[in-house]
Amino acid sequence: MSKLTRAFRESNRNFAVQKKKKLALLRALSH
């Protein structure tokens, strides 16, 4: 169970990072 939750948290963090990168990229392109 702990392994699952850890993996879930990791994927969530990765998703957030990708989202931030995408937003930053869009912002850079729009300027």
N, C-alpha and C. Protein backbone atom coordinates (compact mmCIF):
# COMPACT_ATOMS: atom_id res chain seq x y z
N MET A 1 0.83 -1.20 0.00
CA MET A 1 0.00 0.00 0.00
C MET A 1 0.87 1.26 0.00
N SER A 2 1.88 1.26 0.85
CA SER A 2 2.75 2.44 0.91
C SER A 2 3.45 2.66 -0.42
N LYS A 3 3.79 1.54 -1.08
CA LYS A 3 4.45 1.65 -2.39
C LYS A 3 3.51 2.32 -3.39
N LEU A 4 2.25 1.92 -3.34
CA LEU A 4 1.26 2.48 -4.26
C LEU A 4 1.08 3.97 -4.03
N THR A 5 0.92 4.35 -2.77
CA THR A 5 0.71 5.77 -2.47
C THR A 5 1.93 6.58 -2.85
N ARG A 6 3.11 6.00 -2.65
CA ARG A 6 4.34 6.71 -3.00
C ARG A 6 4.39 6.93 -4.51
N ALA A 7 4.08 5.90 -5.27
CA ALA A 7 4.08 6.00 -6.73
C ALA A 7 3.04 7.02 -7.18
N PHE A 8 1.89 7.01 -6.50
CA PHE A 8 0.82 7.94 -6.85
C PHE A 8 1.28 9.37 -6.63
N ARG A 9 1.95 9.59 -5.49
CA ARG A 9 2.45 10.94 -5.18
C ARG A 9 3.51 11.36 -6.20
N GLU A 10 4.37 10.43 -6.57
CA GLU A 10 5.42 10.73 -7.56
C GLU A 10 4.80 11.15 -8.88
N SER A 11 3.82 10.38 -9.34
CA SER A 11 3.17 10.70 -10.61
C SER A 11 2.46 12.04 -10.53
N ASN A 12 1.86 12.32 -9.37
CA ASN A 12 1.18 13.60 -9.19
C ASN A 12 2.17 14.74 -9.28
N ARG A 13 3.34 14.55 -8.65
CA ARG A 13 4.36 15.59 -8.66
C ARG A 13 4.85 15.79 -10.10
N ASN A 14 5.10 14.70 -10.79
CA ASN A 14 5.57 14.78 -12.18
C ASN A 14 4.54 15.51 -13.04
N PHE A 15 3.27 15.21 -12.81
CA PHE A 15 2.20 15.84 -13.57
C PHE A 15 2.20 17.34 -13.33
N ALA A 16 2.36 17.73 -12.07
CA ALA A 16 2.38 19.15 -11.71
C ALA A 16 3.55 19.85 -12.37
N VAL A 17 4.70 19.17 -12.38
CA VAL A 17 5.90 19.75 -12.98
C VAL A 17 5.69 19.95 -14.48
N GLN A 18 5.12 18.93 -15.13
CA GLN A 18 4.86 19.04 -16.57
C GLN A 18 3.90 20.18 -16.86
N LYS A 19 2.89 20.32 -15.99
CA LYS A 19 1.90 21.38 -16.15
C LYS A 19 2.58 22.74 -16.06
N LYS A 20 3.44 22.88 -15.06
CA LYS A 20 4.15 24.15 -14.87
C LYS A 20 5.03 24.46 -16.07
N LYS A 21 5.72 23.42 -16.57
CA LYS A 21 6.60 23.60 -17.73
C LYS A 21 5.78 24.05 -18.94
N LYS A 22 4.61 23.42 -19.12
CA LYS A 22 3.76 23.77 -20.26
C LYS A 22 3.28 25.21 -20.14
N LEU A 23 2.87 25.59 -18.93
CA LEU A 23 2.39 26.96 -18.71
C LEU A 23 3.50 27.96 -18.98
N ALA A 24 4.70 27.65 -18.50
CA ALA A 24 5.84 28.54 -18.70
C ALA A 24 6.15 28.66 -20.19
N LEU A 25 6.07 27.54 -20.89
CA LEU A 25 6.33 27.53 -22.33
C LEU A 25 5.30 28.38 -23.06
N LEU A 26 4.04 28.20 -22.71
CA LEU A 26 2.97 28.98 -23.35
C LEU A 26 3.16 30.46 -23.09
N ARG A 27 3.53 30.79 -21.85
CA ARG A 27 3.73 32.18 -21.49
C ARG A 27 4.88 32.77 -22.31
N ALA A 28 5.95 32.00 -22.46
CA ALA A 28 7.12 32.46 -23.21
C ALA A 28 6.75 32.66 -24.69
N LEU A 29 5.93 31.76 -25.22
CA LEU A 29 5.55 31.86 -26.63
C LEU A 29 4.61 33.03 -26.88
N SER A 30 3.72 33.29 -25.93
CA SER A 30 2.74 34.36 -26.12
C SER A 30 3.38 35.74 -26.07
N HIS A 31 4.54 35.86 -25.45
CA HIS A 31 5.20 37.17 -25.32
C HIS A 31 5.96 37.56 -26.58
